[in-house]
Structures are given as C-alpha cells and as structure tokens.
Amino acid sequence: MKLLPPEKYALAAPALRDVTFHNLFAWSVIERHVSGKVYVDDLRSPGVFHVVHPYGMSLLYGDIRDDFIYNAFKDYLLNRGEVRLKKEWVQIHPAECEVRIAAALGDNLITAERDADQQHATEKAKSVKVIKHTRINFKFNPSKFKTFKKSFTENYKIVKTDDRLFTEMDGTVVPGKFWDNEKDFANRGIGFSLIKGNEWIATAFSSFIHEDQIDLGMETKAEYRKQGYAQYVCARLIDHCLENGYEPLWACSSENLGSYYLAQKLGFEPVRYLPYYELKV
C-alpha cells in the first residue's frame, strides 16, 4: 500500500460516502481535523483506501479486489515489514469482505472467543497476529432518552471540558487521545466533565464530528467507575446534541458490556453487528 500525501486526502471522500456504518473517525482524518494517515492501492488512480486514525482505529473501503486482500493488505494485517508500530483496530466495507479475509489469513486469524482461551492454547495460537471481534452500531431513539430523563436527577457539578481538563485527563478514552491538541478540541469539539472539587470524575466528549453527527466518547476515572457517573455527563452531551441539531452516535465492542448497557439506558438501540479486526504488532 502507498501513503497518500495529506493534500490529496480529498480523493478518499467520494467512496467514503458509500460506507453505511459509523465512520466519523475516517472523516476526521480525510478532512484533516486530526493527524492520521491514508493508504491507497495506486497513487495515480486510487480505488482502495485505508484510513488510519491516530487512536488506532482504521477503515478499509473502496473497490477491494481479491488480489489486493491476498497480497498488499494481507502483508499489512500480518505486519510484514513492521510498518505498524502499535496495535490497530480495522473495519472493512463492505463487511462481506470478512469471508475473503478469513480465506487469505487462514490459521493467522482467530476469533475473540478463541483468543479468550489462549491461556491454555498452544504457542502457535498465541503468536496469531489478527483477532476478529464484533463491533456494534447503535441508533439514537429520542423518545427513549426522554423517558430516561424523567427519572433523571443531576446533583453533580458538570462543566464544559476546557484546556486544563483536556491536558490533565488521563485514560483510555479521553479527548487527548482523539484530538491533536487542546486548541483543535476547543475550536472543533465539545465535551462535558463531572467535577468534585478540582478533580475530574467523568467526561463525555465528541470523539469525532462530521456535518450533523457527533460520535460520543466517554471516560470515568478508574477509582470512580461503576457508580453511575457516566450517565450524567453523557446525558449532558446528548442534550447539547439535541439543542444544536446534531445526531448523537454510539458504537462499541460487543465485549464492552459497560458501554453496551449504558448506551441502551441513554436511549440508543443496537442496529448493526459488524466484524472488525484487532491487529497485533
């Protein structure tokens, strides 16, 4: 695969409009709202696009031929030549390509269920580089959110996520992992944080924004998890979406039960189950 120069990222836009599942992270890269990468099959006349967000999420789409999967993309999946320096999570459009990917990888691919049993697996299984998971896309139901809000009592201090909080937050899903810097986040993004004293407890924020959609990200400080704080900041961000004409989006791994149940509590309904691949280094 060839690395597309940033000034040509707009070439990746037309085909991305054909992708039917949540893909705002890819838009954030090709619109250069964040410093990602775009790989293509041919620099002169690209037909296949592989967009990589710095968080580690990626999307392969376009005219994906068998020879591309069996050669260039297989090498990338298996990290031949060590072009990847960290773990990556890749989705494919169309999702039906999973059959061809499975055929190309053979024993180099395992499912998340088999990976869970690797404590007792052979050394060969432990060395497998690609693990297939399931990602769930949700659709927001405003009436269910309204019902949730009827029993909702917010007794905490929630503030807009500012430069200080952006810089101080530490965690897996925090604004600093999805935006290049606090200035870009302040100019293009939005977030709300629950505060006790001067300490942040939980944050919900726009991990990606494109046109009239906002993809929600959220994090609760480790020592405060499983106490219900996430629902308050998420509800505040959803209110912001509704007040400003945005559709809130939610997606998570099927293995992330906390996110799965929180989404439904807030009025999101699971609508699509898609394969996505964990690429080890």
C-alpha atoms as a PDB file:
ATOM      1  CA  MET A   1       0.000   0.000   0.000  1.00  0.00           C
ATOM      2  CA  LYS A   2       1.120   3.549  -0.755  1.00  0.00           C
ATOM      3  CA  LEU A   3       0.908   6.518   1.605  1.00  0.00           C
ATOM      4  CA  LEU A   4      -1.267   9.271   0.148  1.00  0.00           C
ATOM      5  CA  PRO A   5       0.013  12.852   0.664  1.00  0.00           C
ATOM      6  CA  PRO A   6      -2.278  14.851   3.014  1.00  0.00           C
ATOM      7  CA  GLU A   7      -3.042  17.438   0.342  1.00  0.00           C
ATOM      8  CA  LYS A   8      -4.715  14.640  -1.667  1.00  0.00           C
ATOM      9  CA  TYR A   9      -6.885  13.228   1.150  1.00  0.00           C
ATOM     10  CA  ALA A  10      -9.994  14.638  -0.560  1.00  0.00           C
ATOM     11  CA  LEU A  11      -9.651  11.792  -3.079  1.00  0.00           C
ATOM     12  CA  ALA A  12     -10.806   9.437  -0.328  1.00  0.00           C
ATOM     13  CA  ALA A  13     -14.084  11.289   0.289  1.00  0.00           C
ATOM     14  CA  PRO A  14     -16.398  10.104  -2.533  1.00  0.00           C
ATOM     15  CA  ALA A  15     -16.001   6.401  -1.769  1.00  0.00           C
ATOM     16  CA  LEU A  16     -16.343   7.040   1.979  1.00  0.00           C
ATOM     17  CA  ARG A  17     -19.862   8.342   1.400  1.00  0.00           C
ATOM     18  CA  ASP A  18     -20.819   4.800   0.354  1.00  0.00           C
ATOM     19  CA  VAL A  19     -19.827   3.347   3.737  1.00  0.00           C
ATOM     20  CA  THR A  20     -23.063   2.639   5.578  1.00  0.00           C
ATOM     21  CA  PHE A  21     -21.858   2.121   9.161  1.00  0.00           C
ATOM     22  CA  HIS A  22     -20.448   4.662  11.649  1.00  0.00           C
ATOM     23  CA  ASN A  23     -17.293   6.131  10.132  1.00  0.00           C
ATOM     24  CA  LEU A  24     -16.786   9.615  11.596  1.00  0.00           C
ATOM     25  CA  PHE A  25     -13.227   8.788  12.673  1.00  0.00           C
ATOM     26  CA  ALA A  26     -12.318   8.330   8.995  1.00  0.00           C
ATOM     27  CA  TRP A  27     -13.895  11.664   8.072  1.00  0.00           C
ATOM     28  CA  SER A  28     -11.894  13.375  10.813  1.00  0.00           C
ATOM     29  CA  VAL A  29      -8.699  12.158   9.114  1.00  0.00           C
ATOM     30  CA  ILE A  30      -9.516  12.901   5.489  1.00  0.00           C
ATOM     31  CA  GLU A  31     -10.890  16.340   6.430  1.00  0.00           C
ATOM     32  CA  ARG A  32      -7.593  16.852   8.295  1.00  0.00           C
ATOM     33  CA  HIS A  33      -9.172  17.587  11.657  1.00  0.00           C
ATOM     34  CA  VAL A  34      -6.656  15.165  13.159  1.00  0.00           C
ATOM     35  CA  SER A  35      -3.234  13.906  12.070  1.00  0.00           C
ATOM     36  CA  GLY A  36      -3.986  10.478  10.622  1.00  0.00           C
ATOM     37  CA  LYS A  37      -2.801   8.579   7.554  1.00  0.00           C
ATOM     38  CA  VAL A  38      -4.420   7.439   4.315  1.00  0.00           C
ATOM     39  CA  TYR A  39      -3.017   4.500   2.351  1.00  0.00           C
ATOM     40  CA  VAL A  40      -4.122   3.641  -1.201  1.00  0.00           C
ATOM     41  CA  ASP A  41      -3.571   0.915  -3.747  1.00  0.00           C
ATOM     42  CA  ASP A  42      -2.438   3.317  -6.502  1.00  0.00           C
ATOM     43  CA  LEU A  43      -1.252   6.890  -6.067  1.00  0.00           C
ATOM     44  CA  ARG A  44      -2.204   7.931  -9.621  1.00  0.00           C
ATOM     45  CA  SER A  45      -5.694   6.421  -9.643  1.00  0.00           C
ATOM     46  CA  PRO A  46      -6.648   5.156  -6.167  1.00  0.00           C
ATOM     47  CA  GLY A  47      -9.557   2.735  -5.872  1.00  0.00           C
ATOM     48  CA  VAL A  48      -8.896   1.309  -2.410  1.00  0.00           C
ATOM     49  CA  PHE A  49      -8.492   3.490   0.683  1.00  0.00           C
ATOM     50  CA  HIS A  50      -7.213   2.602   4.142  1.00  0.00           C
ATOM     51  CA  VAL A  51      -7.727   5.461   6.606  1.00  0.00           C
ATOM     52  CA  VAL A  52      -5.886   5.229   9.940  1.00  0.00           C
ATOM     53  CA  HIS A  53      -6.821   7.446  12.889  1.00  0.00           C
ATOM     54  CA  PRO A  54      -4.017   8.114  15.429  1.00  0.00           C
ATOM     55  CA  TYR A  55      -6.122   6.496  18.183  1.00  0.00           C
ATOM     56  CA  GLY A  56      -5.639   3.182  16.393  1.00  0.00           C
ATOM     57  CA  MET A  57      -8.973   2.858  14.581  1.00  0.00           C
ATOM     58  CA  SER A  58      -8.871   2.305  10.819  1.00  0.00           C
ATOM     59  CA  LEU A  59     -11.169   1.678   7.880  1.00  0.00           C
ATOM     60  CA  LEU A  60     -10.541  -0.128   4.601  1.00  0.00           C
ATOM     61  CA  TYR A  61     -13.031   0.643   1.819  1.00  0.00           C
ATOM     62  CA  GLY A  62     -13.408   1.098  -1.907  1.00  0.00           C
ATOM     63  CA  ASP A  63     -13.024  -1.353  -4.792  1.00  0.00           C
ATOM     64  CA  ILE A  64     -11.419  -4.118  -2.737  1.00  0.00           C
ATOM     65  CA  ARG A  65     -10.283  -6.841  -5.107  1.00  0.00           C
ATOM     66  CA  ASP A  66      -9.129 -10.320  -4.133  1.00  0.00           C
ATOM     67  CA  ASP A  67      -5.568  -9.703  -5.306  1.00  0.00           C
ATOM     68  CA  PHE A  68      -5.349  -6.668  -3.003  1.00  0.00           C
ATOM     69  CA  ILE A  69      -6.572  -8.658   0.016  1.00  0.00           C
ATOM     70  CA  TYR A  70      -4.298 -11.625  -0.669  1.00  0.00           C
ATOM     71  CA  ASN A  71      -1.187  -9.510  -1.188  1.00  0.00           C
ATOM     72  CA  ALA A  72      -0.803  -5.902  -0.005  1.00  0.00           C
ATOM     73  CA  PHE A  73      -3.495  -5.977   2.683  1.00  0.00           C
ATOM     74  CA  LYS A  74      -2.525  -9.409   3.981  1.00  0.00           C
ATOM     75  CA  ASP A  75       1.018  -8.131   4.453  1.00  0.00           C
ATOM     76  CA  TYR A  76      -0.356  -5.139   6.359  1.00  0.00           C
ATOM     77  CA  LEU A  77      -2.623  -7.282   8.556  1.00  0.00           C
ATOM     78  CA  LEU A  78       0.292  -9.525   9.484  1.00  0.00           C
ATOM     79  CA  ASN A  79       2.605  -6.511   9.857  1.00  0.00           C
ATOM     80  CA  ARG A  80       5.186  -7.839   7.444  1.00  0.00           C
ATOM     81  CA  GLY A  81       7.934  -5.275   7.201  1.00  0.00           C
ATOM     82  CA  GLU A  82       6.797  -3.880  10.567  1.00  0.00           C
ATOM     83  CA  VAL A  83       5.001  -0.888   9.080  1.00  0.00           C
ATOM     84  CA  ARG A  84       2.744  -0.752  12.169  1.00  0.00           C
ATOM     85  CA  LEU A  85       4.316   0.233  15.474  1.00  0.00           C
ATOM     86  CA  LYS A  86       1.243  -0.231  17.661  1.00  0.00           C
ATOM     87  CA  LYS A  87      -1.986  -2.203  17.840  1.00  0.00           C
ATOM     88  CA  GLU A  88      -4.691  -1.257  15.344  1.00  0.00           C
ATOM     89  CA  TRP A  89      -8.426  -1.934  15.019  1.00  0.00           C
ATOM     90  CA  VAL A  90      -9.605  -2.127  11.407  1.00  0.00           C
ATOM     91  CA  GLN A  91     -13.107  -2.235   9.931  1.00  0.00           C
ATOM     92  CA  ILE A  92     -13.859  -3.236   6.342  1.00  0.00           C
ATOM     93  CA  HIS A  93     -16.503  -2.041   3.882  1.00  0.00           C
ATOM     94  CA  PRO A  94     -18.283  -3.912   2.608  1.00  0.00           C
ATOM     95  CA  ALA A  95     -18.434  -6.156   5.671  1.00  0.00           C
ATOM     96  CA  GLU A  96     -18.849  -9.169   3.373  1.00  0.00           C
ATOM     97  CA  CYS A  97     -15.097  -8.965   2.789  1.00  0.00           C
ATOM     98  CA  GLU A  98     -14.683 -10.904   6.038  1.00  0.00           C
ATOM     99  CA  VAL A  99     -15.078 -14.150   4.092  1.00  0.00           C
ATOM    100  CA  ARG A 100     -12.216 -13.230   1.775  1.00  0.00           C
ATOM    101  CA  ILE A 101     -10.058 -12.013   4.665  1.00  0.00           C
ATOM    102  CA  ALA A 102     -10.613 -15.296   6.515  1.00  0.00           C
ATOM    103  CA  ALA A 103      -9.593 -17.240   3.410  1.00  0.00           C
ATOM    104  CA  ALA A 104      -6.486 -15.094   2.918  1.00  0.00           C
ATOM    105  CA  LEU A 105      -5.308 -15.330   6.534  1.00  0.00           C
ATOM    106  CA  GLY A 106      -6.182 -18.958   7.256  1.00  0.00           C
ATOM    107  CA  ASP A 107      -4.616 -20.020  10.573  1.00  0.00           C
ATOM    108  CA  ASN A 108      -3.279 -16.496  11.085  1.00  0.00           C
ATOM    109  CA  LEU A 109      -6.795 -15.389  12.107  1.00  0.00           C
ATOM    110  CA  ILE A 110      -8.668 -16.329  15.273  1.00  0.00           C
ATOM    111  CA  THR A 111     -11.920 -15.099  16.812  1.00  0.00           C
ATOM    112  CA  ALA A 112     -12.185 -13.174  20.081  1.00  0.00           C
ATOM    113  CA  GLU A 113     -13.705 -16.255  21.714  1.00  0.00           C
ATOM    114  CA  ARG A 114     -10.644 -18.368  20.890  1.00  0.00           C
ATOM    115  CA  ASP A 115      -8.373 -15.542  21.996  1.00  0.00           C
ATOM    116  CA  ALA A 116     -10.071 -15.594  25.421  1.00  0.00           C
ATOM    117  CA  ASP A 117      -8.918 -19.195  25.838  1.00  0.00           C
ATOM    118  CA  GLN A 118      -5.303 -18.541  24.909  1.00  0.00           C
ATOM    119  CA  GLN A 119      -4.090 -19.096  28.463  1.00  0.00           C
ATOM    120  CA  HIS A 120      -4.438 -22.781  27.595  1.00  0.00           C
ATOM    121  CA  ALA A 121      -3.652 -22.531  23.882  1.00  0.00           C
ATOM    122  CA  THR A 122      -0.593 -23.694  22.017  1.00  0.00           C
ATOM    123  CA  GLU A 123       2.358 -21.409  21.352  1.00  0.00           C
ATOM    124  CA  LYS A 124       1.283 -21.248  17.711  1.00  0.00           C
ATOM    125  CA  ALA A 125      -2.139 -19.846  18.653  1.00  0.00           C
ATOM    126  CA  LYS A 126      -0.545 -17.274  20.936  1.00  0.00           C
ATOM    127  CA  SER A 127       1.512 -15.958  18.047  1.00  0.00           C
ATOM    128  CA  VAL A 128      -1.513 -15.212  15.843  1.00  0.00           C
ATOM    129  CA  LYS A 129      -1.466 -11.553  14.766  1.00  0.00           C
ATOM    130  CA  VAL A 130      -5.134 -10.947  13.840  1.00  0.00           C
ATOM    131  CA  ILE A 131      -8.200 -11.397  16.049  1.00  0.00           C
ATOM    132  CA  LYS A 132     -11.745 -10.882  14.763  1.00  0.00           C
ATOM    133  CA  HIS A 133     -14.172  -9.089  17.084  1.00  0.00           C
ATOM    134  CA  THR A 134     -17.713  -7.735  16.728  1.00  0.00           C
ATOM    135  CA  ARG A 135     -18.477  -4.008  16.783  1.00  0.00           C
ATOM    136  CA  ILE A 136     -21.998  -2.779  17.487  1.00  0.00           C
ATOM    137  CA  ASN A 137     -23.505   0.346  15.920  1.00  0.00           C
ATOM    138  CA  PHE A 138     -26.388   1.978  17.797  1.00  0.00           C
ATOM    139  CA  LYS A 139     -29.204   4.255  16.633  1.00  0.00           C
ATOM    140  CA  PHE A 140     -30.417   7.009  18.946  1.00  0.00           C
ATOM    141  CA  ASN A 141     -34.095   6.927  19.967  1.00  0.00           C
ATOM    142  CA  PRO A 142     -35.086  10.388  21.298  1.00  0.00           C
ATOM    143  CA  SER A 143     -38.283   9.116  22.929  1.00  0.00           C
ATOM    144  CA  LYS A 144     -36.346   6.552  24.976  1.00  0.00           C
ATOM    145  CA  PHE A 145     -33.900   9.245  26.060  1.00  0.00           C
ATOM    146  CA  LYS A 146     -36.835  11.436  27.085  1.00  0.00           C
ATOM    147  CA  THR A 147     -38.220   8.584  29.202  1.00  0.00           C
ATOM    148  CA  PHE A 148     -34.811   8.111  30.806  1.00  0.00           C
ATOM    149  CA  LYS A 149     -34.592  11.820  31.623  1.00  0.00           C
ATOM    150  CA  LYS A 150     -37.925  11.710  33.510  1.00  0.00           C
ATOM    151  CA  SER A 151     -36.278   9.678  36.274  1.00  0.00           C
ATOM    152  CA  PHE A 152     -33.001  11.534  35.977  1.00  0.00           C
ATOM    153  CA  THR A 153     -31.710  13.684  38.832  1.00  0.00           C
ATOM    154  CA  GLU A 154     -28.452  15.524  38.243  1.00  0.00           C
ATOM    155  CA  ASN A 155     -26.898  16.514  41.552  1.00  0.00           C
ATOM    156  CA  TYR A 156     -23.334  16.985  40.380  1.00  0.00           C
ATOM    157  CA  LYS A 157     -21.266  19.839  39.043  1.00  0.00           C
ATOM    158  CA  ILE A 158     -20.851  19.421  35.292  1.00  0.00           C
ATOM    159  CA  VAL A 159     -18.698  21.887  33.391  1.00  0.00           C
ATOM    160  CA  LYS A 160     -17.610  22.315  29.802  1.00  0.00           C
ATOM    161  CA  THR A 161     -14.327  20.499  29.214  1.00  0.00           C
ATOM    162  CA  ASP A 162     -11.696  23.235  28.970  1.00  0.00           C
ATOM    163  CA  ASP A 163      -7.989  23.385  28.103  1.00  0.00           C
ATOM    164  CA  ARG A 164      -6.923  22.478  31.641  1.00  0.00           C
ATOM    165  CA  LEU A 165      -9.096  19.393  31.793  1.00  0.00           C
ATOM    166  CA  PHE A 166      -8.046  18.374  28.279  1.00  0.00           C
ATOM    167  CA  THR A 167      -4.407  18.438  29.380  1.00  0.00           C
ATOM    168  CA  GLU A 168      -4.852  16.845  32.811  1.00  0.00           C
ATOM    169  CA  MET A 169      -7.133  13.942  31.891  1.00  0.00           C
ATOM    170  CA  ASP A 170      -5.548  10.519  31.759  1.00  0.00           C
ATOM    171  CA  GLY A 171      -7.312   7.430  30.493  1.00  0.00           C
ATOM    172  CA  THR A 172      -8.056   5.236  27.509  1.00  0.00           C
ATOM    173  CA  VAL A 173     -10.961   7.213  26.035  1.00  0.00           C
ATOM    174  CA  VAL A 174     -10.237  10.892  26.719  1.00  0.00           C
ATOM    175  CA  PRO A 175     -10.184  13.901  24.328  1.00  0.00           C
ATOM    176  CA  GLY A 176      -6.385  13.958  24.183  1.00  0.00           C
ATOM    177  CA  LYS A 177      -6.405  10.535  22.500  1.00  0.00           C
ATOM    178  CA  PHE A 178      -8.759  11.685  19.722  1.00  0.00           C
ATOM    179  CA  TRP A 179      -7.697  15.291  19.085  1.00  0.00           C
ATOM    180  CA  ASP A 180      -4.224  16.597  18.253  1.00  0.00           C
ATOM    181  CA  ASN A 181      -4.254  19.319  20.915  1.00  0.00           C
ATOM    182  CA  GLU A 182      -6.474  21.372  23.215  1.00  0.00           C
ATOM    183  CA  LYS A 183      -6.775  24.217  20.679  1.00  0.00           C
ATOM    184  CA  ASP A 184      -8.230  21.938  17.994  1.00  0.00           C
ATOM    185  CA  PHE A 185     -10.610  20.412  20.517  1.00  0.00           C
ATOM    186  CA  ALA A 186     -11.750  23.847  21.710  1.00  0.00           C
ATOM    187  CA  ASN A 187     -12.314  25.033  18.136  1.00  0.00           C
ATOM    188  CA  ARG A 188     -13.955  21.936  16.679  1.00  0.00           C
ATOM    189  CA  GLY A 189     -15.073  19.707  19.545  1.00  0.00           C
ATOM    190  CA  ILE A 190     -17.216  19.726  22.667  1.00  0.00           C
ATOM    191  CA  GLY A 191     -17.099  17.930  25.999  1.00  0.00           C
ATOM    192  CA  PHE A 192     -18.604  17.969  29.477  1.00  0.00           C
ATOM    193  CA  SER A 193     -16.910  16.854  32.676  1.00  0.00           C
ATOM    194  CA  LEU A 194     -18.226  15.979  36.114  1.00  0.00           C
ATOM    195  CA  ILE A 195     -16.122  17.657  38.794  1.00  0.00           C
ATOM    196  CA  LYS A 196     -15.694  17.171  42.539  1.00  0.00           C
ATOM    197  CA  GLY A 197     -13.612  19.979  43.994  1.00  0.00           C
ATOM    198  CA  ASN A 198     -10.899  20.407  41.381  1.00  0.00           C
ATOM    199  CA  GLU A 199     -10.859  16.729  40.406  1.00  0.00           C
ATOM    200  CA  TRP A 200     -12.476  15.426  37.251  1.00  0.00           C
ATOM    201  CA  ILE A 201     -14.504  12.266  37.747  1.00  0.00           C
ATOM    202  CA  ALA A 202     -16.061  11.543  34.346  1.00  0.00           C
ATOM    203  CA  THR A 203     -16.119  13.085  30.880  1.00  0.00           C
ATOM    204  CA  ALA A 204     -18.271  12.735  27.768  1.00  0.00           C
ATOM    205  CA  PHE A 205     -16.973  14.366  24.623  1.00  0.00           C
ATOM    206  CA  SER A 206     -17.123  14.479  20.849  1.00  0.00           C
ATOM    207  CA  SER A 207     -14.570  11.952  19.712  1.00  0.00           C
ATOM    208  CA  PHE A 208     -15.473  12.902  16.128  1.00  0.00           C
ATOM    209  CA  ILE A 209     -17.773  15.448  14.471  1.00  0.00           C
ATOM    210  CA  HIS A 210     -18.870  15.403  10.845  1.00  0.00           C
ATOM    211  CA  GLU A 211     -21.654  17.518   9.362  1.00  0.00           C
ATOM    212  CA  ASP A 212     -24.691  16.973  11.641  1.00  0.00           C
ATOM    213  CA  GLN A 213     -23.371  13.978  13.609  1.00  0.00           C
ATOM    214  CA  ILE A 214     -21.337  13.653  16.808  1.00  0.00           C
ATOM    215  CA  ASP A 215     -19.690  10.382  17.842  1.00  0.00           C
ATOM    216  CA  LEU A 216     -19.717  10.132  21.638  1.00  0.00           C
ATOM    217  CA  GLY A 217     -16.679   9.148  23.680  1.00  0.00           C
ATOM    218  CA  MET A 218     -16.619   8.876  27.442  1.00  0.00           C
ATOM    219  CA  GLU A 219     -14.300   8.006  30.305  1.00  0.00           C
ATOM    220  CA  THR A 220     -14.719   7.649  34.061  1.00  0.00           C
ATOM    221  CA  LYS A 221     -11.697   7.860  36.325  1.00  0.00           C
ATOM    222  CA  ALA A 222     -10.742   4.326  37.379  1.00  0.00           C
ATOM    223  CA  GLU A 223     -11.484   4.684  41.083  1.00  0.00           C
ATOM    224  CA  TYR A 224     -14.961   6.108  40.395  1.00  0.00           C
ATOM    225  CA  ARG A 225     -16.249   3.538  37.929  1.00  0.00           C
ATOM    226  CA  LYS A 226     -19.480   1.542  38.359  1.00  0.00           C
ATOM    227  CA  GLN A 227     -21.046   4.339  40.407  1.00  0.00           C
ATOM    228  CA  GLY A 228     -23.272   5.792  37.703  1.00  0.00           C
ATOM    229  CA  TYR A 229     -21.299   8.943  36.944  1.00  0.00           C
ATOM    230  CA  ALA A 230     -21.060   8.269  33.205  1.00  0.00           C
ATOM    231  CA  GLN A 231     -24.792   8.653  32.641  1.00  0.00           C
ATOM    232  CA  TYR A 232     -24.728  12.277  33.831  1.00  0.00           C
ATOM    233  CA  VAL A 233     -22.005  13.530  31.510  1.00  0.00           C
ATOM    234  CA  CYS A 234     -23.339  11.509  28.595  1.00  0.00           C
ATOM    235  CA  ALA A 235     -26.837  12.904  29.128  1.00  0.00           C
ATOM    236  CA  ARG A 236     -25.422  16.430  29.168  1.00  0.00           C
ATOM    237  CA  LEU A 237     -23.617  15.846  25.864  1.00  0.00           C
ATOM    238  CA  ILE A 238     -26.742  14.309  24.321  1.00  0.00           C
ATOM    239  CA  ASP A 239     -28.707  17.379  25.448  1.00  0.00           C
ATOM    240  CA  HIS A 240     -26.106  19.516  23.684  1.00  0.00           C
ATOM    241  CA  CYS A 241     -26.564  17.445  20.505  1.00  0.00           C
ATOM    242  CA  LEU A 242     -30.330  17.833  20.570  1.00  0.00           C
ATOM    243  CA  GLU A 243     -30.147  21.543  21.344  1.00  0.00           C
ATOM    244  CA  ASN A 244     -27.789  22.166  18.422  1.00  0.00           C
ATOM    245  CA  GLY A 245     -29.200  19.887  15.734  1.00  0.00           C
ATOM    246  CA  TYR A 246     -26.693  17.025  15.958  1.00  0.00           C
ATOM    247  CA  GLU A 247     -27.452  13.320  15.817  1.00  0.00           C
ATOM    248  CA  PRO A 248     -25.544  11.521  18.616  1.00  0.00           C
ATOM    249  CA  LEU A 249     -23.785   8.311  17.550  1.00  0.00           C
ATOM    250  CA  TRP A 250     -22.656   5.410  19.727  1.00  0.00           C
ATOM    251  CA  ALA A 251     -20.611   2.317  18.890  1.00  0.00           C
ATOM    252  CA  CYS A 252     -18.713  -0.202  20.993  1.00  0.00           C
ATOM    253  CA  SER A 253     -17.228  -3.666  21.015  1.00  0.00           C
ATOM    254  CA  SER A 254     -19.639  -6.474  21.888  1.00  0.00           C
ATOM    255  CA  GLU A 255     -17.201  -7.345  24.674  1.00  0.00           C
ATOM    256  CA  ASN A 256     -17.571  -3.911  26.311  1.00  0.00           C
ATOM    257  CA  LEU A 257     -20.685  -4.690  28.330  1.00  0.00           C
ATOM    258  CA  GLY A 258     -20.471  -1.469  30.357  1.00  0.00           C
ATOM    259  CA  SER A 259     -20.711   0.647  27.214  1.00  0.00           C
ATOM    260  CA  TYR A 260     -23.319  -1.686  25.706  1.00  0.00           C
ATOM    261  CA  TYR A 261     -25.736  -1.340  28.624  1.00  0.00           C
ATOM    262  CA  LEU A 262     -25.067   2.357  29.208  1.00  0.00           C
ATOM    263  CA  ALA A 263     -25.908   3.090  25.570  1.00  0.00           C
ATOM    264  CA  GLN A 264     -29.302   1.429  25.893  1.00  0.00           C
ATOM    265  CA  LYS A 265     -30.024   3.170  29.191  1.00  0.00           C
ATOM    266  CA  LEU A 266     -29.472   6.504  27.413  1.00  0.00           C
ATOM    267  CA  GLY A 267     -31.855   5.642  24.585  1.00  0.00           C
ATOM    268  CA  PHE A 268     -29.585   4.041  21.994  1.00  0.00           C
ATOM    269  CA  GLU A 269     -30.692   0.853  20.254  1.00  0.00           C
ATOM    270  CA  PRO A 270     -28.286  -1.699  18.718  1.00  0.00           C
ATOM    271  CA  VAL A 271     -28.915  -1.868  14.974  1.00  0.00           C
ATOM    272  CA  ARG A 272     -25.813  -3.383  13.335  1.00  0.00           C
ATOM    273  CA  TYR A 273     -23.254  -6.018  14.303  1.00  0.00           C
ATOM    274  CA  LEU A 274     -20.074  -5.777  12.255  1.00  0.00           C
ATOM    275  CA  PRO A 275     -16.765  -7.628  12.099  1.00  0.00           C
ATOM    276  CA  TYR A 276     -13.641  -5.708  12.991  1.00  0.00           C
ATOM    277  CA  TYR A 277     -10.097  -6.851  13.410  1.00  0.00           C
ATOM    278  CA  GLU A 278      -7.527  -6.388  16.149  1.00  0.00           C
ATOM    279  CA  LEU A 279      -4.088  -6.203  14.570  1.00  0.00           C
ATOM    280  CA  LYS A 280      -1.233  -7.015  16.919  1.00  0.00           C
ATOM    281  CA  VAL A 281       2.324  -5.794  16.487  1.00  0.00           C
END
